[in-house]
Each structure stands twice: as C-alpha cells, then as structure tokens.
Amino acid sequence: MKQVTTWLQAFWKDEEGLGTLEILLIVAVLVAVAIIFRKWIVSWFQKLIGDANTNLTNDSTVTPCAPSPTTSCSP
C-alpha cells in the first residue's frame, strides 16, 4: 500500500505537461469518433434544431418582452 501511495504522490507532483504527441492523439481520436458517428450526430443536431424551431413557432402564449428602465420582464 505504501508503494501505491508513493506512486500517487509522485504522479500528483509531476509538473511535466502534455506533449505534442498526446495532444495529436487526443485530436485524432476525436476526429475518428466524429467521422464514425457523423450521420448520427448530424441527425441528432437537425432534430434538436427542428424541435426548438417548432416549439418557438407554436408557442404563442409567450409575449415578447423588451425590458427598459420603466418596465420589467418578470412574470
């Protein structure tokens, strides 16, 4: 147990930053995931935007409010 604690303390105190290789590997993995799931991501985003647009156009109960020094927008 002492060995693990010593290793964790040394790891925590290590001030060496991320290198270029690590950053490139992270970016490569993110790009690969985006390419693999691009159709799902695009359809999810279009559905999200479409739902928001539908909610905005169908919600006529909310009146637009432009606050000024004499008016308040709180209900």
PDB file of N, CA and C in Angstrom:
ATOM      1  N   MET A   1       0.830  -1.188   0.000  1.00  0.00           N
ATOM      2  CA  MET A   1       0.000   0.000   0.000  1.00  0.00           C
ATOM      3  C   MET A   1       0.878   1.257   0.000  1.00  0.00           C
ATOM      4  N   LYS A   2       1.989   1.171   0.676  1.00  0.00           N
ATOM      5  CA  LYS A   2       2.914   2.304   0.744  1.00  0.00           C
ATOM      6  C   LYS A   2       3.454   2.643  -0.651  1.00  0.00           C
ATOM      7  N   GLN A   3       3.676   1.615  -1.450  1.00  0.00           N
ATOM      8  CA  GLN A   3       4.194   1.808  -2.803  1.00  0.00           C
ATOM      9  C   GLN A   3       3.182   2.574  -3.665  1.00  0.00           C
ATOM     10  N   VAL A   4       1.916   2.231  -3.537  1.00  0.00           N
ATOM     11  CA  VAL A   4       0.865   2.901  -4.307  1.00  0.00           C
ATOM     12  C   VAL A   4       0.754   4.354  -3.887  1.00  0.00           C
ATOM     13  N   THR A   5       0.787   4.597  -2.592  1.00  0.00           N
ATOM     14  CA  THR A   5       0.705   5.964  -2.084  1.00  0.00           C
ATOM     15  C   THR A   5       1.881   6.800  -2.571  1.00  0.00           C
ATOM     16  N   THR A   6       3.061   6.223  -2.542  1.00  0.00           N
ATOM     17  CA  THR A   6       4.255   6.923  -3.017  1.00  0.00           C
ATOM     18  C   THR A   6       4.133   7.242  -4.500  1.00  0.00           C
ATOM     19  N   TRP A   7       3.657   6.267  -5.275  1.00  0.00           N
ATOM     20  CA  TRP A   7       3.487   6.490  -6.718  1.00  0.00           C
ATOM     21  C   TRP A   7       2.456   7.583  -6.990  1.00  0.00           C
ATOM     22  N   LEU A   8       1.331   7.553  -6.255  1.00  0.00           N
ATOM     23  CA  LEU A   8       0.298   8.577  -6.447  1.00  0.00           C
ATOM     24  C   LEU A   8       0.819   9.971  -6.090  1.00  0.00           C
ATOM     25  N   GLN A   9       1.577  10.070  -5.025  1.00  0.00           N
ATOM     26  CA  GLN A   9       2.142  11.367  -4.649  1.00  0.00           C
ATOM     27  C   GLN A   9       3.124  11.864  -5.700  1.00  0.00           C
ATOM     28  N   ALA A  10       3.953  10.976  -6.219  1.00  0.00           N
ATOM     29  CA  ALA A  10       4.903  11.369  -7.261  1.00  0.00           C
ATOM     30  C   ALA A  10       4.167  11.781  -8.535  1.00  0.00           C
ATOM     31  N   PHE A  11       3.118  11.051  -8.873  1.00  0.00           N
ATOM     32  CA  PHE A  11       2.324  11.391 -10.055  1.00  0.00           C
ATOM     33  C   PHE A  11       1.657  12.754  -9.883  1.00  0.00           C
ATOM     34  N   TRP A  12       1.145  13.022  -8.691  1.00  0.00           N
ATOM     35  CA  TRP A  12       0.455  14.280  -8.431  1.00  0.00           C
ATOM     36  C   TRP A  12       1.418  15.462  -8.508  1.00  0.00           C
ATOM     37  N   LYS A  13       2.649  15.266  -8.038  1.00  0.00           N
ATOM     38  CA  LYS A  13       3.631  16.346  -8.011  1.00  0.00           C
ATOM     39  C   LYS A  13       4.350  16.525  -9.343  1.00  0.00           C
ATOM     40  N   ASP A  14       4.173  15.594 -10.265  1.00  0.00           N
ATOM     41  CA  ASP A  14       4.836  15.675 -11.568  1.00  0.00           C
ATOM     42  C   ASP A  14       4.315  16.890 -12.321  1.00  0.00           C
ATOM     43  N   GLU A  15       5.179  17.790 -12.698  1.00  0.00           N
ATOM     44  CA  GLU A  15       4.782  19.023 -13.357  1.00  0.00           C
ATOM     45  C   GLU A  15       5.012  18.994 -14.863  1.00  0.00           C
ATOM     46  N   GLU A  16       5.324  17.846 -15.394  1.00  0.00           N
ATOM     47  CA  GLU A  16       5.539  17.746 -16.829  1.00  0.00           C
ATOM     48  C   GLU A  16       4.189  17.859 -17.529  1.00  0.00           C
ATOM     49  N   GLY A  17       4.097  18.759 -18.476  1.00  0.00           N
ATOM     50  CA  GLY A  17       2.839  18.996 -19.171  1.00  0.00           C
ATOM     51  C   GLY A  17       2.595  17.998 -20.283  1.00  0.00           C
ATOM     52  N   LEU A  18       1.469  18.177 -20.943  1.00  0.00           N
ATOM     53  CA  LEU A  18       1.151  17.322 -22.078  1.00  0.00           C
ATOM     54  C   LEU A  18       2.062  17.666 -23.239  1.00  0.00           C
ATOM     55  N   GLY A  19       2.515  16.646 -23.911  1.00  0.00           N
ATOM     56  CA  GLY A  19       3.363  16.855 -25.068  1.00  0.00           C
ATOM     57  C   GLY A  19       2.549  16.922 -26.342  1.00  0.00           C
ATOM     58  N   THR A  20       3.216  17.243 -27.419  1.00  0.00           N
ATOM     59  CA  THR A  20       2.570  17.364 -28.714  1.00  0.00           C
ATOM     60  C   THR A  20       1.957  16.039 -29.147  1.00  0.00           C
ATOM     61  N   LEU A  21       2.630  14.954 -28.890  1.00  0.00           N
ATOM     62  CA  LEU A  21       2.122  13.645 -29.286  1.00  0.00           C
ATOM     63  C   LEU A  21       0.809  13.321 -28.594  1.00  0.00           C
ATOM     64  N   GLU A  22       0.716  13.613 -27.311  1.00  0.00           N
ATOM     65  CA  GLU A  22      -0.515  13.339 -26.588  1.00  0.00           C
ATOM     66  C   GLU A  22      -1.670  14.171 -27.135  1.00  0.00           C
ATOM     67  N   ILE A  23      -1.410  15.433 -27.411  1.00  0.00           N
ATOM     68  CA  ILE A  23      -2.453  16.301 -27.961  1.00  0.00           C
ATOM     69  C   ILE A  23      -2.890  15.796 -29.328  1.00  0.00           C
ATOM     70  N   LEU A  24      -1.943  15.414 -30.176  1.00  0.00           N
ATOM     71  CA  LEU A  24      -2.283  14.899 -31.503  1.00  0.00           C
ATOM     72  C   LEU A  24      -3.091  13.607 -31.417  1.00  0.00           C
ATOM     73  N   LEU A  25      -2.766  12.747 -30.466  1.00  0.00           N
ATOM     74  CA  LEU A  25      -3.523  11.513 -30.292  1.00  0.00           C
ATOM     75  C   LEU A  25      -4.955  11.799 -29.845  1.00  0.00           C
ATOM     76  N   ILE A  26      -5.133  12.743 -28.950  1.00  0.00           N
ATOM     77  CA  ILE A  26      -6.476  13.111 -28.490  1.00  0.00           C
ATOM     78  C   ILE A  26      -7.289  13.676 -29.648  1.00  0.00           C
ATOM     79  N   VAL A  27      -6.692  14.566 -30.426  1.00  0.00           N
ATOM     80  CA  VAL A  27      -7.384  15.150 -31.575  1.00  0.00           C
ATOM     81  C   VAL A  27      -7.728  14.069 -32.597  1.00  0.00           C
ATOM     82  N   ALA A  28      -6.809  13.149 -32.841  1.00  0.00           N
ATOM     83  CA  ALA A  28      -7.068  12.075 -33.806  1.00  0.00           C
ATOM     84  C   ALA A  28      -8.230  11.195 -33.358  1.00  0.00           C
ATOM     85  N   VAL A  29      -8.300  10.891 -32.087  1.00  0.00           N
ATOM     86  CA  VAL A  29      -9.407  10.078 -31.574  1.00  0.00           C
ATOM     87  C   VAL A  29     -10.721  10.835 -31.709  1.00  0.00           C
ATOM     88  N   LEU A  30     -10.724  12.117 -31.379  1.00  0.00           N
ATOM     89  CA  LEU A  30     -11.953  12.910 -31.509  1.00  0.00           C
ATOM     90  C   LEU A  30     -12.418  13.000 -32.959  1.00  0.00           C
ATOM     91  N   VAL A  31     -11.488  13.184 -33.878  1.00  0.00           N
ATOM     92  CA  VAL A  31     -11.841  13.238 -35.302  1.00  0.00           C
ATOM     93  C   VAL A  31     -12.376  11.890 -35.763  1.00  0.00           C
ATOM     94  N   ALA A  32     -11.756  10.815 -35.327  1.00  0.00           N
ATOM     95  CA  ALA A  32     -12.219   9.480 -35.714  1.00  0.00           C
ATOM     96  C   ALA A  32     -13.628   9.215 -35.202  1.00  0.00           C
ATOM     97  N   VAL A  33     -13.905   9.589 -33.981  1.00  0.00           N
ATOM     98  CA  VAL A  33     -15.252   9.411 -33.417  1.00  0.00           C
ATOM     99  C   VAL A  33     -16.252  10.264 -34.181  1.00  0.00           C
ATOM    100  N   ALA A  34     -15.888  11.492 -34.513  1.00  0.00           N
ATOM    101  CA  ALA A  34     -16.785  12.367 -35.269  1.00  0.00           C
ATOM    102  C   ALA A  34     -17.071  11.795 -36.655  1.00  0.00           C
ATOM    103  N   ILE A  35     -16.075  11.226 -37.290  1.00  0.00           N
ATOM    104  CA  ILE A  35     -16.273  10.636 -38.622  1.00  0.00           C
ATOM    105  C   ILE A  35     -17.138   9.383 -38.527  1.00  0.00           C
ATOM    106  N   ILE A  36     -16.884   8.555 -37.544  1.00  0.00           N
ATOM    107  CA  ILE A  36     -17.641   7.311 -37.397  1.00  0.00           C
ATOM    108  C   ILE A  36     -19.114   7.594 -37.112  1.00  0.00           C
ATOM    109  N   PHE A  37     -19.383   8.557 -36.245  1.00  0.00           N
ATOM    110  CA  PHE A  37     -20.759   8.837 -35.831  1.00  0.00           C
ATOM    111  C   PHE A  37     -21.335  10.079 -36.499  1.00  0.00           C
ATOM    112  N   ARG A  38     -20.803  10.519 -37.636  1.00  0.00           N
ATOM    113  CA  ARG A  38     -21.230  11.786 -38.228  1.00  0.00           C
ATOM    114  C   ARG A  38     -22.697  11.789 -38.623  1.00  0.00           C
ATOM    115  N   LYS A  39     -23.211  10.694 -39.178  1.00  0.00           N
ATOM    116  CA  LYS A  39     -24.623  10.668 -39.570  1.00  0.00           C
ATOM    117  C   LYS A  39     -25.522  10.782 -38.348  1.00  0.00           C
ATOM    118  N   TRP A  40     -25.179  10.085 -37.290  1.00  0.00           N
ATOM    119  CA  TRP A  40     -25.969  10.157 -36.070  1.00  0.00           C
ATOM    120  C   TRP A  40     -25.894  11.550 -35.461  1.00  0.00           C
ATOM    121  N   ILE A  41     -24.719  12.155 -35.449  1.00  0.00           N
ATOM    122  CA  ILE A  41     -24.541  13.493 -34.880  1.00  0.00           C
ATOM    123  C   ILE A  41     -25.335  14.521 -35.686  1.00  0.00           C
ATOM    124  N   VAL A  42     -25.270  14.434 -37.021  1.00  0.00           N
ATOM    125  CA  VAL A  42     -25.994  15.384 -37.878  1.00  0.00           C
ATOM    126  C   VAL A  42     -27.497  15.232 -37.684  1.00  0.00           C
ATOM    127  N   SER A  43     -28.001  14.004 -37.651  1.00  0.00           N
ATOM    128  CA  SER A  43     -29.442  13.809 -37.472  1.00  0.00           C
ATOM    129  C   SER A  43     -29.890  14.276 -36.099  1.00  0.00           C
ATOM    130  N   TRP A  44     -29.091  14.029 -35.075  1.00  0.00           N
ATOM    131  CA  TRP A  44     -29.427  14.498 -33.731  1.00  0.00           C
ATOM    132  C   TRP A  44     -29.474  16.022 -33.681  1.00  0.00           C
ATOM    133  N   PHE A  45     -28.493  16.676 -34.306  1.00  0.00           N
ATOM    134  CA  PHE A  45     -28.449  18.139 -34.310  1.00  0.00           C
ATOM    135  C   PHE A  45     -29.628  18.727 -35.087  1.00  0.00           C
ATOM    136  N   GLN A  46     -29.958  18.130 -36.235  1.00  0.00           N
ATOM    137  CA  GLN A  46     -31.096  18.622 -37.014  1.00  0.00           C
ATOM    138  C   GLN A  46     -32.403  18.441 -36.254  1.00  0.00           C
ATOM    139  N   LYS A  47     -32.556  17.324 -35.547  1.00  0.00           N
ATOM    140  CA  LYS A  47     -33.754  17.101 -34.755  1.00  0.00           C
ATOM    141  C   LYS A  47     -33.827  18.121 -33.621  1.00  0.00           C
ATOM    142  N   LEU A  48     -32.702  18.379 -32.986  1.00  0.00           N
ATOM    143  CA  LEU A  48     -32.645  19.338 -31.892  1.00  0.00           C
ATOM    144  C   LEU A  48     -33.054  20.732 -32.366  1.00  0.00           C
ATOM    145  N   ILE A  49     -32.486  21.170 -33.481  1.00  0.00           N
ATOM    146  CA  ILE A  49     -32.807  22.489 -34.025  1.00  0.00           C
ATOM    147  C   ILE A  49     -34.262  22.523 -34.510  1.00  0.00           C
ATOM    148  N   GLY A  50     -34.708  21.445 -35.155  1.00  0.00           N
ATOM    149  CA  GLY A  50     -36.090  21.385 -35.628  1.00  0.00           C
ATOM    150  C   GLY A  50     -37.088  21.442 -34.494  1.00  0.00           C
ATOM    151  N   ASP A  51     -36.821  20.712 -33.404  1.00  0.00           N
ATOM    152  CA  ASP A  51     -37.709  20.739 -32.241  1.00  0.00           C
ATOM    153  C   ASP A  51     -37.748  22.131 -31.618  1.00  0.00           C
ATOM    154  N   ALA A  52     -36.601  22.765 -31.522  1.00  0.00           N
ATOM    155  CA  ALA A  52     -36.552  24.116 -30.949  1.00  0.00           C
ATOM    156  C   ALA A  52     -37.322  25.085 -31.835  1.00  0.00           C
ATOM    157  N   ASN A  53     -37.174  24.976 -33.142  1.00  0.00           N
ATOM    158  CA  ASN A  53     -37.882  25.853 -34.067  1.00  0.00           C
ATOM    159  C   ASN A  53     -39.386  25.623 -33.971  1.00  0.00           C
ATOM    160  N   THR A  54     -39.812  24.359 -33.892  1.00  0.00           N
ATOM    161  CA  THR A  54     -41.235  24.045 -33.778  1.00  0.00           C
ATOM    162  C   THR A  54     -41.805  24.607 -32.483  1.00  0.00           C
ATOM    163  N   ASN A  55     -41.070  24.455 -31.396  1.00  0.00           N
ATOM    164  CA  ASN A  55     -41.540  24.986 -30.117  1.00  0.00           C
ATOM    165  C   ASN A  55     -41.653  26.504 -30.153  1.00  0.00           C
ATOM    166  N   LEU A  56     -40.720  27.150 -30.812  1.00  0.00           N
ATOM    167  CA  LEU A  56     -40.767  28.615 -30.884  1.00  0.00           C
ATOM    168  C   LEU A  56     -41.935  29.103 -31.743  1.00  0.00           C
ATOM    169  N   THR A  57     -42.185  28.434 -32.862  1.00  0.00           N
ATOM    170  CA  THR A  57     -43.264  28.889 -33.741  1.00  0.00           C
ATOM    171  C   THR A  57     -44.635  28.523 -33.200  1.00  0.00           C
ATOM    172  N   ASN A  58     -44.762  27.452 -32.427  1.00  0.00           N
ATOM    173  CA  ASN A  58     -46.058  27.027 -31.910  1.00  0.00           C
ATOM    174  C   ASN A  58     -46.408  27.646 -30.573  1.00  0.00           C
ATOM    175  N   ASP A  59     -45.463  28.252 -29.892  1.00  0.00           N
ATOM    176  CA  ASP A  59     -45.707  28.803 -28.557  1.00  0.00           C
ATOM    177  C   ASP A  59     -46.150  30.255 -28.674  1.00  0.00           C
ATOM    178  N   SER A  60     -47.449  30.454 -28.758  1.00  0.00           N
ATOM    179  CA  SER A  60     -47.984  31.812 -28.887  1.00  0.00           C
ATOM    180  C   SER A  60     -48.388  32.390 -27.548  1.00  0.00           C
ATOM    181  N   THR A  61     -48.185  31.649 -26.464  1.00  0.00           N
ATOM    182  CA  THR A  61     -48.580  32.145 -25.145  1.00  0.00           C
ATOM    183  C   THR A  61     -47.543  33.087 -24.557  1.00  0.00           C
ATOM    184  N   VAL A  62     -46.340  33.047 -25.050  1.00  0.00           N
ATOM    185  CA  VAL A  62     -45.280  33.891 -24.520  1.00  0.00           C
ATOM    186  C   VAL A  62     -45.222  35.175 -25.328  1.00  0.00           C
ATOM    187  N   THR A  63     -45.373  36.281 -24.649  1.00  0.00           N
ATOM    188  CA  THR A  63     -45.291  37.568 -25.330  1.00  0.00           C
ATOM    189  C   THR A  63     -43.842  38.049 -25.294  1.00  0.00           C
ATOM    190  N   PRO A  64     -43.370  38.615 -26.383  1.00  0.00           N
ATOM    191  CA  PRO A  64     -42.004  39.124 -26.376  1.00  0.00           C
ATOM    192  C   PRO A  64     -41.868  40.294 -25.405  1.00  0.00           C
ATOM    193  N   CYS A  65     -40.733  40.392 -24.798  1.00  0.00           N
ATOM    194  CA  CYS A  65     -40.522  41.438 -23.813  1.00  0.00           C
ATOM    195  C   CYS A  65     -39.195  42.121 -24.084  1.00  0.00           C
ATOM    196  N   ALA A  66     -39.234  43.431 -24.117  1.00  0.00           N
ATOM    197  CA  ALA A  66     -38.026  44.220 -24.248  1.00  0.00           C
ATOM    198  C   ALA A  66     -37.918  45.084 -23.001  1.00  0.00           C
ATOM    199  N   PRO A  67     -37.073  44.699 -22.062  1.00  0.00           N
ATOM    200  CA  PRO A  67     -37.002  45.455 -20.803  1.00  0.00           C
ATOM    201  C   PRO A  67     -36.448  46.865 -21.026  1.00  0.00           C
ATOM    202  N   SER A  68     -36.962  47.764 -20.256  1.00  0.00           N
ATOM    203  CA  SER A  68     -36.488  49.144 -20.279  1.00  0.00           C
ATOM    204  C   SER A  68     -36.402  49.630 -18.848  1.00  0.00           C
ATOM    205  N   PRO A  69     -35.923  50.831 -18.626  1.00  0.00           N
ATOM    206  CA  PRO A  69     -35.826  51.319 -17.236  1.00  0.00           C
ATOM    207  C   PRO A  69     -37.175  51.394 -16.527  1.00  0.00           C
ATOM    208  N   THR A  70     -38.255  51.520 -17.281  1.00  0.00           N
ATOM    209  CA  THR A  70     -39.563  51.662 -16.639  1.00  0.00           C
ATOM    210  C   THR A  70     -40.384  50.379 -16.639  1.00  0.00           C
ATOM    211  N   THR A  71     -39.981  49.366 -17.397  1.00  0.00           N
ATOM    212  CA  THR A  71     -40.739  48.112 -17.438  1.00  0.00           C
ATOM    213  C   THR A  71     -39.853  46.946 -17.006  1.00  0.00           C
ATOM    214  N   SER A  72     -40.518  45.882 -16.595  1.00  0.00           N
ATOM    215  CA  SER A  72     -39.812  44.676 -16.168  1.00  0.00           C
ATOM    216  C   SER A  72     -40.366  43.486 -16.938  1.00  0.00           C
ATOM    217  N   CYS A  73     -39.544  42.526 -17.229  1.00  0.00           N
ATOM    218  CA  CYS A  73     -39.973  41.337 -17.955  1.00  0.00           C
ATOM    219  C   CYS A  73     -40.320  40.181 -17.040  1.00  0.00           C
ATOM    220  N   SER A  74     -40.227  40.359 -15.755  1.00  0.00           N
ATOM    221  CA  SER A  74     -40.535  39.257 -14.848  1.00  0.00           C
ATOM    222  C   SER A  74     -42.046  39.042 -14.806  1.00  0.00           C
ATOM    223  N   PRO A  75     -42.466  37.785 -14.696  1.00  0.00           N
ATOM    224  CA  PRO A  75     -43.912  37.483 -14.704  1.00  0.00           C
ATOM    225  C   PRO A  75     -44.625  37.960 -13.480  1.00  0.00           C
TER     226      PRO A  75
END
